[in-house]
Amino acid sequence: MKLLKARVSTNAKPKAIELDAIEKQVKDGEDNFFYFDRENEHKVLNEMLEHFENQGKNILMKEVKYGLGDLDYMYEVHIY
């Protein structure tokens, strides 16, 4: 499963990250924050959340606005 990481600037294209790479970071046992781009489908984000919930992890996801425009947002995911 591929997810799009948050853009570094408003004109940049989002870079993809595999679920396996996220899982490796989460296995450290520390709190992990990930920022995903608005172009991710909700279905894919929900599948990722279910994946980590099935592993017994706690997950919080919220939408973070960084500007006044309707498209100026990203998703913040906290896995612990």
PDB file of N, CA and C in Angstrom:
ATOM      1  N   MET A   1       0.851  -1.168   0.000  1.00  0.00           N
ATOM      2  CA  MET A   1       0.000   0.000   0.000  1.00  0.00           C
ATOM      3  C   MET A   1       0.895   1.228   0.000  1.00  0.00           C
ATOM      4  N   LYS A   2       0.615   2.157  -0.899  1.00  0.00           N
ATOM      5  CA  LYS A   2       1.384   3.398  -0.983  1.00  0.00           C
ATOM      6  C   LYS A   2       0.548   4.554  -0.452  1.00  0.00           C
ATOM      7  N   LEU A   3       1.212   5.409   0.314  1.00  0.00           N
ATOM      8  CA  LEU A   3       0.599   6.630   0.830  1.00  0.00           C
ATOM      9  C   LEU A   3       1.456   7.802   0.387  1.00  0.00           C
ATOM     10  N   LEU A   4       0.849   8.953   0.275  1.00  0.00           N
ATOM     11  CA  LEU A   4       1.576  10.155  -0.138  1.00  0.00           C
ATOM     12  C   LEU A   4       1.925  10.984   1.086  1.00  0.00           C
ATOM     13  N   LYS A   5       3.219  11.224   1.271  1.00  0.00           N
ATOM     14  CA  LYS A   5       3.663  12.073   2.380  1.00  0.00           C
ATOM     15  C   LYS A   5       3.295  13.520   2.083  1.00  0.00           C
ATOM     16  N   ALA A   6       3.184  14.316   3.125  1.00  0.00           N
ATOM     17  CA  ALA A   6       2.823  15.723   2.964  1.00  0.00           C
ATOM     18  C   ALA A   6       3.859  16.446   2.122  1.00  0.00           C
ATOM     19  N   ARG A   7       3.396  17.437   1.388  1.00  0.00           N
ATOM     20  CA  ARG A   7       4.275  18.241   0.533  1.00  0.00           C
ATOM     21  C   ARG A   7       5.206  19.095   1.380  1.00  0.00           C
ATOM     22  N   VAL A   8       6.371  19.327   0.859  1.00  0.00           N
ATOM     23  CA  VAL A   8       7.329  20.183   1.543  1.00  0.00           C
ATOM     24  C   VAL A   8       7.009  21.653   1.267  1.00  0.00           C
ATOM     25  N   SER A   9       6.497  21.950   0.071  1.00  0.00           N
ATOM     26  CA  SER A   9       6.054  23.296  -0.270  1.00  0.00           C
ATOM     27  C   SER A   9       4.759  23.179  -1.075  1.00  0.00           C
ATOM     28  N   THR A  10       4.046  24.274  -1.222  1.00  0.00           N
ATOM     29  CA  THR A  10       2.750  24.224  -1.890  1.00  0.00           C
ATOM     30  C   THR A  10       2.856  23.855  -3.359  1.00  0.00           C
ATOM     31  N   ASN A  11       3.985  24.121  -3.999  1.00  0.00           N
ATOM     32  CA  ASN A  11       4.165  23.810  -5.418  1.00  0.00           C
ATOM     33  C   ASN A  11       4.777  22.431  -5.663  1.00  0.00           C
ATOM     34  N   ALA A  12       5.270  21.792  -4.622  1.00  0.00           N
ATOM     35  CA  ALA A  12       5.934  20.495  -4.768  1.00  0.00           C
ATOM     36  C   ALA A  12       4.913  19.377  -4.946  1.00  0.00           C
ATOM     37  N   LYS A  13       5.377  18.292  -5.529  1.00  0.00           N
ATOM     38  CA  LYS A  13       4.533  17.107  -5.647  1.00  0.00           C
ATOM     39  C   LYS A  13       4.786  16.220  -4.428  1.00  0.00           C
ATOM     40  N   PRO A  14       3.744  15.555  -3.922  1.00  0.00           N
ATOM     41  CA  PRO A  14       3.940  14.674  -2.766  1.00  0.00           C
ATOM     42  C   PRO A  14       4.734  13.425  -3.139  1.00  0.00           C
ATOM     43  N   LYS A  15       5.536  12.936  -2.212  1.00  0.00           N
ATOM     44  CA  LYS A  15       6.326  11.724  -2.426  1.00  0.00           C
ATOM     45  C   LYS A  15       5.613  10.542  -1.770  1.00  0.00           C
ATOM     46  N   ALA A  16       5.740   9.395  -2.377  1.00  0.00           N
ATOM     47  CA  ALA A  16       5.074   8.192  -1.882  1.00  0.00           C
ATOM     48  C   ALA A  16       5.930   7.489  -0.830  1.00  0.00           C
ATOM     49  N   ILE A  17       5.247   6.810   0.087  1.00  0.00           N
ATOM     50  CA  ILE A  17       5.905   5.984   1.097  1.00  0.00           C
ATOM     51  C   ILE A  17       5.095   4.694   1.207  1.00  0.00           C
ATOM     52  N   GLU A  18       5.786   3.589   1.361  1.00  0.00           N
ATOM     53  CA  GLU A  18       5.136   2.285   1.483  1.00  0.00           C
ATOM     54  C   GLU A  18       4.735   2.038   2.937  1.00  0.00           C
ATOM     55  N   LEU A  19       3.715   1.238   3.115  1.00  0.00           N
ATOM     56  CA  LEU A  19       3.250   0.883   4.454  1.00  0.00           C
ATOM     57  C   LEU A  19       4.344   0.157   5.233  1.00  0.00           C
ATOM     58  N   ASP A  20       5.165  -0.630   4.551  1.00  0.00           N
ATOM     59  CA  ASP A  20       6.261  -1.335   5.224  1.00  0.00           C
ATOM     60  C   ASP A  20       7.246  -0.366   5.874  1.00  0.00           C
ATOM     61  N   ALA A  21       7.530   0.743   5.212  1.00  0.00           N
ATOM     62  CA  ALA A  21       8.451   1.744   5.770  1.00  0.00           C
ATOM     63  C   ALA A  21       7.853   2.394   7.013  1.00  0.00           C
ATOM     64  N   ILE A  22       6.552   2.641   6.988  1.00  0.00           N
ATOM     65  CA  ILE A  22       5.879   3.209   8.157  1.00  0.00           C
ATOM     66  C   ILE A  22       5.912   2.209   9.302  1.00  0.00           C
ATOM     67  N   GLU A  23       5.654   0.961   8.974  1.00  0.00           N
ATOM     68  CA  GLU A  23       5.633  -0.086   9.995  1.00  0.00           C
ATOM     69  C   GLU A  23       6.989  -0.244  10.673  1.00  0.00           C
ATOM     70  N   LYS A  24       8.082  -0.129   9.937  1.00  0.00           N
ATOM     71  CA  LYS A  24       9.419  -0.215  10.522  1.00  0.00           C
ATOM     72  C   LYS A  24       9.650   0.895  11.537  1.00  0.00           C
ATOM     73  N   GLN A  25       9.167   2.093  11.243  1.00  0.00           N
ATOM     74  CA  GLN A  25       9.331   3.215  12.169  1.00  0.00           C
ATOM     75  C   GLN A  25       8.459   3.025  13.409  1.00  0.00           C
ATOM     76  N   VAL A  26       7.295   2.443  13.246  1.00  0.00           N
ATOM     77  CA  VAL A  26       6.370   2.263  14.368  1.00  0.00           C
ATOM     78  C   VAL A  26       6.864   1.176  15.316  1.00  0.00           C
ATOM     79  N   LYS A  27       7.578   0.185  14.815  1.00  0.00           N
ATOM     80  CA  LYS A  27       8.036  -0.926  15.649  1.00  0.00           C
ATOM     81  C   LYS A  27       9.033  -0.506  16.713  1.00  0.00           C
ATOM     82  N   ASP A  28       9.584   0.676  16.620  1.00  0.00           N
ATOM     83  CA  ASP A  28      10.534   1.152  17.623  1.00  0.00           C
ATOM     84  C   ASP A  28       9.900   1.301  18.996  1.00  0.00           C
ATOM     85  N   GLY A  29       8.565   1.396  19.054  1.00  0.00           N
ATOM     86  CA  GLY A  29       7.879   1.505  20.325  1.00  0.00           C
ATOM     87  C   GLY A  29       7.703   2.925  20.821  1.00  0.00           C
ATOM     88  N   GLU A  30       8.189   3.884  20.092  1.00  0.00           N
ATOM     89  CA  GLU A  30       8.045   5.279  20.490  1.00  0.00           C
ATOM     90  C   GLU A  30       6.814   5.879  19.825  1.00  0.00           C
ATOM     91  N   ASP A  31       6.431   7.070  20.283  1.00  0.00           N
ATOM     92  CA  ASP A  31       5.353   7.797  19.612  1.00  0.00           C
ATOM     93  C   ASP A  31       5.830   8.200  18.228  1.00  0.00           C
ATOM     94  N   ASN A  32       4.972   8.049  17.262  1.00  0.00           N
ATOM     95  CA  ASN A  32       5.330   8.367  15.888  1.00  0.00           C
ATOM     96  C   ASN A  32       4.278   9.285  15.283  1.00  0.00           C
ATOM     97  N   PHE A  33       4.733  10.351  14.665  1.00  0.00           N
ATOM     98  CA  PHE A  33       3.854  11.276  13.957  1.00  0.00           C
ATOM     99  C   PHE A  33       4.181  11.209  12.479  1.00  0.00           C
ATOM    100  N   PHE A  34       3.140  11.115  11.672  1.00  0.00           N
ATOM    101  CA  PHE A  34       3.293  11.086  10.229  1.00  0.00           C
ATOM    102  C   PHE A  34       2.367  12.135   9.636  1.00  0.00           C
ATOM    103  N   TYR A  35       2.810  12.769   8.567  1.00  0.00           N
ATOM    104  CA  TYR A  35       2.017  13.788   7.893  1.00  0.00           C
ATOM    105  C   TYR A  35       1.798  13.343   6.459  1.00  0.00           C
ATOM    106  N   PHE A  36       0.522  13.242   6.085  1.00  0.00           N
ATOM    107  CA  PHE A  36       0.151  12.753   4.765  1.00  0.00           C
ATOM    108  C   PHE A  36      -0.557  13.835   3.966  1.00  0.00           C
ATOM    109  N   ASP A  37      -0.392  13.757   2.659  1.00  0.00           N
ATOM    110  CA  ASP A  37      -0.931  14.752   1.748  1.00  0.00           C
ATOM    111  C   ASP A  37      -2.441  14.628   1.603  1.00  0.00           C
ATOM    112  N   ARG A  38      -3.059  15.721   1.217  1.00  0.00           N
ATOM    113  CA  ARG A  38      -4.513  15.769   1.027  1.00  0.00           C
ATOM    114  C   ARG A  38      -4.967  14.924  -0.149  1.00  0.00           C
ATOM    115  N   GLU A  39      -4.054  14.558  -1.049  1.00  0.00           N
ATOM    116  CA  GLU A  39      -4.413  13.761  -2.223  1.00  0.00           C
ATOM    117  C   GLU A  39      -4.612  12.284  -1.900  1.00  0.00           C
ATOM    118  N   ASN A  40      -4.309  11.852  -0.685  1.00  0.00           N
ATOM    119  CA  ASN A  40      -4.559  10.467  -0.290  1.00  0.00           C
ATOM    120  C   ASN A  40      -6.059  10.224  -0.234  1.00  0.00           C
ATOM    121  N   GLU A  41      -6.473   9.069  -0.701  1.00  0.00           N
ATOM    122  CA  GLU A  41      -7.882   8.703  -0.612  1.00  0.00           C
ATOM    123  C   GLU A  41      -8.211   8.315   0.827  1.00  0.00           C
ATOM    124  N   HIS A  42      -9.407   8.671   1.265  1.00  0.00           N
ATOM    125  CA  HIS A  42      -9.832   8.313   2.622  1.00  0.00           C
ATOM    126  C   HIS A  42      -9.826   6.804   2.814  1.00  0.00           C
ATOM    127  N   LYS A  43     -10.165   6.079   1.762  1.00  0.00           N
ATOM    128  CA  LYS A  43     -10.186   4.618   1.830  1.00  0.00           C
ATOM    129  C   LYS A  43      -8.811   4.071   2.184  1.00  0.00           C
ATOM    130  N   VAL A  44      -7.770   4.618   1.568  1.00  0.00           N
ATOM    131  CA  VAL A  44      -6.397   4.160   1.822  1.00  0.00           C
ATOM    132  C   VAL A  44      -5.969   4.528   3.243  1.00  0.00           C
ATOM    133  N   LEU A  45      -6.302   5.732   3.677  1.00  0.00           N
ATOM    134  CA  LEU A  45      -5.960   6.141   5.046  1.00  0.00           C
ATOM    135  C   LEU A  45      -6.666   5.254   6.070  1.00  0.00           C
ATOM    136  N   ASN A  46      -7.932   4.940   5.830  1.00  0.00           N
ATOM    137  CA  ASN A  46      -8.674   4.078   6.752  1.00  0.00           C
ATOM    138  C   ASN A  46      -8.105   2.665   6.780  1.00  0.00           C
ATOM    139  N   GLU A  47      -7.647   2.159   5.638  1.00  0.00           N
ATOM    140  CA  GLU A  47      -7.012   0.848   5.598  1.00  0.00           C
ATOM    141  C   GLU A  47      -5.733   0.842   6.425  1.00  0.00           C
ATOM    142  N   MET A  48      -4.965   1.931   6.356  1.00  0.00           N
ATOM    143  CA  MET A  48      -3.751   2.030   7.152  1.00  0.00           C
ATOM    144  C   MET A  48      -4.099   2.061   8.647  1.00  0.00           C
ATOM    145  N   LEU A  49      -5.120   2.823   9.007  1.00  0.00           N
ATOM    146  CA  LEU A  49      -5.528   2.899  10.402  1.00  0.00           C
ATOM    147  C   LEU A  49      -5.961   1.528  10.916  1.00  0.00           C
ATOM    148  N   GLU A  50      -6.759   0.809  10.139  1.00  0.00           N
ATOM    149  CA  GLU A  50      -7.202  -0.524  10.533  1.00  0.00           C
ATOM    150  C   GLU A  50      -6.017  -1.478  10.674  1.00  0.00           C
ATOM    151  N   HIS A  51      -5.046  -1.360   9.794  1.00  0.00           N
ATOM    152  CA  HIS A  51      -3.860  -2.215   9.841  1.00  0.00           C
ATOM    153  C   HIS A  51      -3.157  -2.080  11.192  1.00  0.00           C
ATOM    154  N   PHE A  52      -2.946  -0.855  11.641  1.00  0.00           N
ATOM    155  CA  PHE A  52      -2.246  -0.647  12.907  1.00  0.00           C
ATOM    156  C   PHE A  52      -3.137  -0.924  14.117  1.00  0.00           C
ATOM    157  N   GLU A  53      -4.431  -0.688  14.000  1.00  0.00           N
ATOM    158  CA  GLU A  53      -5.346  -1.045  15.089  1.00  0.00           C
ATOM    159  C   GLU A  53      -5.360  -2.549  15.304  1.00  0.00           C
ATOM    160  N   ASN A  54      -5.296  -3.327  14.225  1.00  0.00           N
ATOM    161  CA  ASN A  54      -5.262  -4.783  14.335  1.00  0.00           C
ATOM    162  C   ASN A  54      -3.984  -5.271  15.001  1.00  0.00           C
ATOM    163  N   GLN A  55      -2.948  -4.466  14.995  1.00  0.00           N
ATOM    164  CA  GLN A  55      -1.698  -4.796  15.672  1.00  0.00           C
ATOM    165  C   GLN A  55      -1.708  -4.335  17.127  1.00  0.00           C
ATOM    166  N   GLY A  56      -2.801  -3.744  17.578  1.00  0.00           N
ATOM    167  CA  GLY A  56      -2.910  -3.298  18.961  1.00  0.00           C
ATOM    168  C   GLY A  56      -2.372  -1.897  19.207  1.00  0.00           C
ATOM    169  N   LYS A  57      -2.133  -1.143  18.163  1.00  0.00           N
ATOM    170  CA  LYS A  57      -1.634   0.228  18.298  1.00  0.00           C
ATOM    171  C   LYS A  57      -2.797   1.192  18.481  1.00  0.00           C
ATOM    172  N   ASN A  58      -2.538   2.292  19.157  1.00  0.00           N
ATOM    173  CA  ASN A  58      -3.502   3.385  19.263  1.00  0.00           C
ATOM    174  C   ASN A  58      -3.190   4.404  18.175  1.00  0.00           C
ATOM    175  N   ILE A  59      -4.238   4.938  17.558  1.00  0.00           N
ATOM    176  CA  ILE A  59      -4.052   5.841  16.429  1.00  0.00           C
ATOM    177  C   ILE A  59      -4.984   7.031  16.555  1.00  0.00           C
ATOM    178  N   LEU A  60      -4.441   8.196  16.292  1.00  0.00           N
ATOM    179  CA  LEU A  60      -5.227   9.425  16.188  1.00  0.00           C
ATOM    180  C   LEU A  60      -4.944  10.040  14.827  1.00  0.00           C
ATOM    181  N   MET A  61      -5.993  10.431  14.117  1.00  0.00           N
ATOM    182  CA  MET A  61      -5.818  11.098  12.830  1.00  0.00           C
ATOM    183  C   MET A  61      -6.650  12.364  12.835  1.00  0.00           C
ATOM    184  N   LYS A  62      -6.042  13.449  12.385  1.00  0.00           N
ATOM    185  CA  LYS A  62      -6.783  14.705  12.281  1.00  0.00           C
ATOM    186  C   LYS A  62      -6.326  15.476  11.064  1.00  0.00           C
ATOM    187  N   GLU A  63      -7.178  16.377  10.647  1.00  0.00           N
ATOM    188  CA  GLU A  63      -6.887  17.244   9.511  1.00  0.00           C
ATOM    189  C   GLU A  63      -6.254  18.518  10.050  1.00  0.00           C
ATOM    190  N   VAL A  64      -5.122  18.909   9.480  1.00  0.00           N
ATOM    191  CA  VAL A  64      -4.392  20.095   9.926  1.00  0.00           C
ATOM    192  C   VAL A  64      -4.429  21.136   8.814  1.00  0.00           C
ATOM    193  N   LYS A  65      -4.973  22.305   9.101  1.00  0.00           N
ATOM    194  CA  LYS A  65      -5.012  23.413   8.140  1.00  0.00           C
ATOM    195  C   LYS A  65      -3.737  24.233   8.315  1.00  0.00           C
ATOM    196  N   TYR A  66      -3.100  24.591   7.204  1.00  0.00           N
ATOM    197  CA  TYR A  66      -1.893  25.409   7.276  1.00  0.00           C
ATOM    198  C   TYR A  66      -2.021  26.690   6.474  1.00  0.00           C
ATOM    199  N   GLY A  67      -3.204  26.979   5.978  1.00  0.00           N
ATOM    200  CA  GLY A  67      -3.455  28.195   5.211  1.00  0.00           C
ATOM    201  C   GLY A  67      -4.937  28.503   5.188  1.00  0.00           C
ATOM    202  N   LEU A  68      -5.302  29.547   4.483  1.00  0.00           N
ATOM    203  CA  LEU A  68      -6.700  29.956   4.434  1.00  0.00           C
ATOM    204  C   LEU A  68      -7.482  29.294   3.309  1.00  0.00           C
ATOM    205  N   GLY A  69      -6.807  28.723   2.329  1.00  0.00           N
ATOM    206  CA  GLY A  69      -7.475  28.102   1.201  1.00  0.00           C
ATOM    207  C   GLY A  69      -8.140  26.781   1.566  1.00  0.00           C
ATOM    208  N   ASP A  70      -9.107  26.383   0.760  1.00  0.00           N
ATOM    209  CA  ASP A  70      -9.806  25.127   0.998  1.00  0.00           C
ATOM    210  C   ASP A  70      -8.892  23.915   0.842  1.00  0.00           C
ATOM    211  N   LEU A  71      -7.864  24.025   0.027  1.00  0.00           N
ATOM    212  CA  LEU A  71      -6.963  22.907  -0.212  1.00  0.00           C
ATOM    213  C   LEU A  71      -5.677  22.984   0.602  1.00  0.00           C
ATOM    214  N   ASP A  72      -5.629  23.878   1.568  1.00  0.00           N
ATOM    215  CA  ASP A  72      -4.440  24.048   2.407  1.00  0.00           C
ATOM    216  C   ASP A  72      -4.572  23.216   3.685  1.00  0.00           C
ATOM    217  N   TYR A  73      -4.510  21.905   3.515  1.00  0.00           N
ATOM    218  CA  TYR A  73      -4.583  21.019   4.672  1.00  0.00           C
ATOM    219  C   TYR A  73      -3.789  19.748   4.406  1.00  0.00           C
ATOM    220  N   MET A  74      -3.487  19.030   5.479  1.00  0.00           N
ATOM    221  CA  MET A  74      -2.819  17.735   5.414  1.00  0.00           C
ATOM    222  C   MET A  74      -3.375  16.892   6.554  1.00  0.00           C
ATOM    223  N   TYR A  75      -3.041  15.641   6.562  1.00  0.00           N
ATOM    224  CA  TYR A  75      -3.483  14.742   7.624  1.00  0.00           C
ATOM    225  C   TYR A  75      -2.323  14.437   8.564  1.00  0.00           C
ATOM    226  N   GLU A  76      -2.579  14.584   9.846  1.00  0.00           N
ATOM    227  CA  GLU A  76      -1.593  14.226  10.859  1.00  0.00           C
ATOM    228  C   GLU A  76      -2.042  12.915  11.500  1.00  0.00           C
ATOM    229  N   VAL A  77      -1.153  11.930  11.521  1.00  0.00           N
ATOM    230  CA  VAL A  77      -1.462  10.629  12.107  1.00  0.00           C
ATOM    231  C   VAL A  77      -0.457  10.376  13.222  1.00  0.00           C
ATOM    232  N   HIS A  78      -1.006  10.090  14.398  1.00  0.00           N
ATOM    233  CA  HIS A  78      -0.186   9.792  15.567  1.00  0.00           C
ATOM    234  C   HIS A  78      -0.416   8.324  15.903  1.00  0.00           C
ATOM    235  N   ILE A  79       0.642   7.527  15.848  1.00  0.00           N
ATOM    236  CA  ILE A  79       0.563   6.099  16.156  1.00  0.00           C
ATOM    237  C   ILE A  79       1.406   5.851  17.397  1.00  0.00           C
ATOM    238  N   TYR A  80       0.783   5.266  18.399  1.00  0.00           N
ATOM    239  CA  TYR A  80       1.509   4.978  19.646  1.00  0.00           C
ATOM    240  C   TYR A  80       1.034   3.684  20.257  1.00  0.00           C
TER     241      TYR A  80
END
